[in-house]
N, C-alpha and C. Protein backbone atom coordinates (compact mmCIF):
# COMPACT_ATOMS: atom_id res chain seq x y z
N MET A 1 13.20 -6.09 9.66
CA MET A 1 12.50 -5.33 8.50
C MET A 1 13.29 -3.95 8.16
N PRO A 2 13.63 -3.97 6.99
CA PRO A 2 14.02 -2.23 6.78
C PRO A 2 12.86 -1.22 7.01
N LYS A 3 13.48 -0.03 7.27
CA LYS A 3 12.61 0.83 7.55
C LYS A 3 12.85 2.16 6.45
N VAL A 4 11.59 2.61 5.98
CA VAL A 4 11.45 3.48 4.78
C VAL A 4 11.08 4.53 5.13
N SER A 5 11.40 5.73 4.69
CA SER A 5 10.94 7.09 5.32
C SER A 5 10.18 7.74 4.06
N LEU A 6 9.13 8.73 3.95
CA LEU A 6 8.55 9.21 2.63
C LEU A 6 7.94 10.30 3.18
N ASP A 7 7.82 11.27 2.35
CA ASP A 7 7.21 12.41 2.44
C ASP A 7 5.45 12.11 1.98
N MET A 8 4.50 12.75 2.61
CA MET A 8 3.30 12.40 2.11
C MET A 8 2.35 13.40 2.53
N PRO A 9 1.47 14.09 1.36
CA PRO A 9 0.53 15.15 1.83
C PRO A 9 -0.27 14.90 3.08
N ASN A 10 -0.23 16.06 3.93
CA ASN A 10 -1.27 15.52 4.87
C ASN A 10 -2.50 15.11 4.70
N GLU A 11 -3.44 15.41 3.75
CA GLU A 11 -4.56 15.27 3.18
C GLU A 11 -4.90 13.57 3.00
N ILE A 12 -3.86 12.92 2.22
CA ILE A 12 -3.43 11.57 2.32
C ILE A 12 -3.55 10.89 3.60
N LEU A 13 -2.65 11.58 4.52
CA LEU A 13 -2.28 10.92 5.72
C LEU A 13 -3.44 10.82 6.49
N ASN A 14 -4.28 11.89 6.53
CA ASN A 14 -5.24 11.92 7.36
C ASN A 14 -6.34 11.12 6.93
N ASP A 15 -6.59 10.93 5.46
CA ASP A 15 -7.49 9.94 4.77
C ASP A 15 -7.33 8.43 5.48
N LEU A 16 -5.69 8.21 5.52
CA LEU A 16 -5.41 6.89 6.06
C LEU A 16 -5.80 6.42 7.47
N LYS A 17 -5.66 7.62 8.41
CA LYS A 17 -5.97 7.50 9.38
C LYS A 17 -7.18 7.52 9.95
N VAL A 18 -8.33 7.55 8.99
CA VAL A 18 -9.69 7.27 9.28
C VAL A 18 -9.83 5.72 9.30
N HIS A 19 -9.05 5.23 8.72
CA HIS A 19 -8.83 3.51 8.55
C HIS A 19 -8.20 2.85 9.52
N VAL A 20 -7.68 3.66 10.61
CA VAL A 20 -6.54 3.17 11.20
C VAL A 20 -7.03 3.19 12.71
N GLY A 21 -6.81 2.02 13.17
CA GLY A 21 -7.34 1.87 14.87
C GLY A 21 -8.25 0.70 15.29
N ASP A 22 -8.67 0.83 16.50
CA ASP A 22 -9.27 -0.32 16.99
C ASP A 22 -10.57 -0.32 16.18
N ASP A 23 -11.16 -1.86 15.90
CA ASP A 23 -12.34 -2.01 15.14
C ASP A 23 -12.37 -1.24 13.51
N LYS A 24 -10.94 -1.22 13.11
CA LYS A 24 -10.96 -0.31 11.77
C LYS A 24 -10.13 -1.75 11.08
N LYS A 25 -9.86 -1.03 9.82
CA LYS A 25 -9.37 -2.02 8.66
C LYS A 25 -7.81 -2.51 9.30
N PHE A 26 -7.09 -1.51 9.57
CA PHE A 26 -5.77 -1.52 9.68
C PHE A 26 -5.46 -0.87 11.23
N VAL A 27 -4.20 -1.80 11.79
CA VAL A 27 -3.87 -1.82 13.03
C VAL A 27 -2.97 -0.60 13.11
N SER A 28 -2.50 -0.18 12.11
CA SER A 28 -1.34 0.89 11.96
C SER A 28 -1.21 1.75 10.55
N VAL A 29 -0.75 3.06 10.46
CA VAL A 29 -0.32 3.67 9.36
C VAL A 29 0.36 2.65 8.53
N ALA A 30 1.42 2.26 9.10
CA ALA A 30 2.40 1.70 8.47
C ALA A 30 1.93 0.14 7.81
N ASP A 31 0.80 -0.24 8.52
CA ASP A 31 0.11 -1.71 7.96
C ASP A 31 -0.63 -1.15 6.90
N ALA A 32 -1.20 -0.13 6.75
CA ALA A 32 -2.15 0.40 5.85
C ALA A 32 -1.16 0.77 4.27
N ILE A 33 -0.25 1.17 4.74
CA ILE A 33 0.89 1.74 3.68
C ILE A 33 1.51 0.18 3.06
N ARG A 34 1.70 -0.73 4.15
CA ARG A 34 2.23 -1.84 3.30
C ARG A 34 1.27 -2.35 2.64
N THR A 35 0.14 -2.65 3.01
CA THR A 35 -1.26 -3.34 2.41
C THR A 35 -1.31 -2.65 1.14
N ALA A 36 -1.08 -1.19 1.17
CA ALA A 36 -1.33 -0.91 -0.47
C ALA A 36 -0.29 -0.77 -1.13
N CYS A 37 0.82 -1.07 -0.77
CA CYS A 37 2.01 -1.32 -1.62
C CYS A 37 1.69 -2.90 -2.13
N ARG A 38 1.39 -3.65 -1.43
CA ARG A 38 1.33 -5.01 -1.85
C ARG A 38 0.20 -5.14 -2.81
N LYS A 39 -0.94 -4.68 -2.61
CA LYS A 39 -2.18 -4.87 -3.68
C LYS A 39 -1.54 -3.80 -4.94
N MET A 40 -1.16 -2.63 -5.01
CA MET A 40 -0.61 -1.87 -6.45
C MET A 40 0.51 -3.08 -6.95
N LEU A 41 1.46 -3.74 -6.20
CA LEU A 41 2.29 -4.75 -7.02
C LEU A 41 1.49 -5.92 -7.47
N ASP A 42 0.30 -6.14 -6.88
CA ASP A 42 -0.31 -7.20 -7.40
C ASP A 42 -0.93 -6.71 -8.98
N GLN A 43 -1.38 -5.45 -8.71
CA GLN A 43 -2.09 -4.93 -9.81
C GLN A 43 -1.17 -4.93 -11.23
N LEU A 44 -0.06 -4.55 -10.74
CA LEU A 44 1.00 -4.34 -11.56
C LEU A 44 1.52 -5.51 -12.27
N ASP A 45 1.73 -6.62 -11.23
CA ASP A 45 1.74 -8.05 -11.86
C ASP A 45 1.04 -8.42 -12.98
N GLU A 46 -0.38 -8.20 -12.41
CA GLU A 46 -1.47 -8.38 -13.52
C GLU A 46 -1.30 -7.62 -14.87
N ILE A 47 -1.17 -6.29 -15.07
CA ILE A 47 -1.23 -5.82 -16.10
C ILE A 47 0.12 -6.22 -16.56
N ASP A 48 1.33 -6.60 -16.17
CA ASP A 48 2.50 -7.13 -17.04
C ASP A 48 2.03 -8.43 -17.61
N ALA A 49 1.65 -9.03 -16.80
CA ALA A 49 0.94 -10.62 -17.06
C ALA A 49 0.10 -10.49 -18.90
N ARG A 50 -0.93 -9.49 -18.57
CA ARG A 50 -1.96 -9.09 -19.50
C ARG A 50 -1.07 -8.88 -21.00
N HIS A 51 0.08 -8.05 -20.92
CA HIS A 51 1.13 -7.48 -21.69
C HIS A 51 2.37 -8.32 -22.19
N GLY A 52 2.17 -9.45 -21.73
CA GLY A 52 3.44 -10.47 -21.71
C GLY A 52 4.72 -10.00 -21.39
N ARG A 53 4.90 -9.23 -20.19
CA ARG A 53 6.04 -8.90 -19.94
C ARG A 53 6.26 -9.62 -18.31
N MET A 54 5.55 -10.50 -18.17
CA MET A 54 6.50 -11.63 -16.96
C MET A 54 7.46 -11.94 -17.18
N GLY A 55 8.52 -11.98 -16.35
CA GLY A 55 9.59 -12.64 -16.38
C GLY A 55 9.42 -14.20 -16.17
N GLU A 56 10.31 -15.17 -16.27
CA GLU A 56 10.66 -16.47 -16.12
C GLU A 56 10.54 -16.62 -14.53
């Protein structure tokens, strides 16, 4: 799996970490970021479909 590096404001990272750990929604910060990216891409696909921009 490729690795990606990014800069992120500390406030966002701290907000993410509240949801990471045992008995929380995400097992790691990387898992939270992957899940957020997938959700955003799904939303963009839905927007594109509504506007007739989906490719074959």
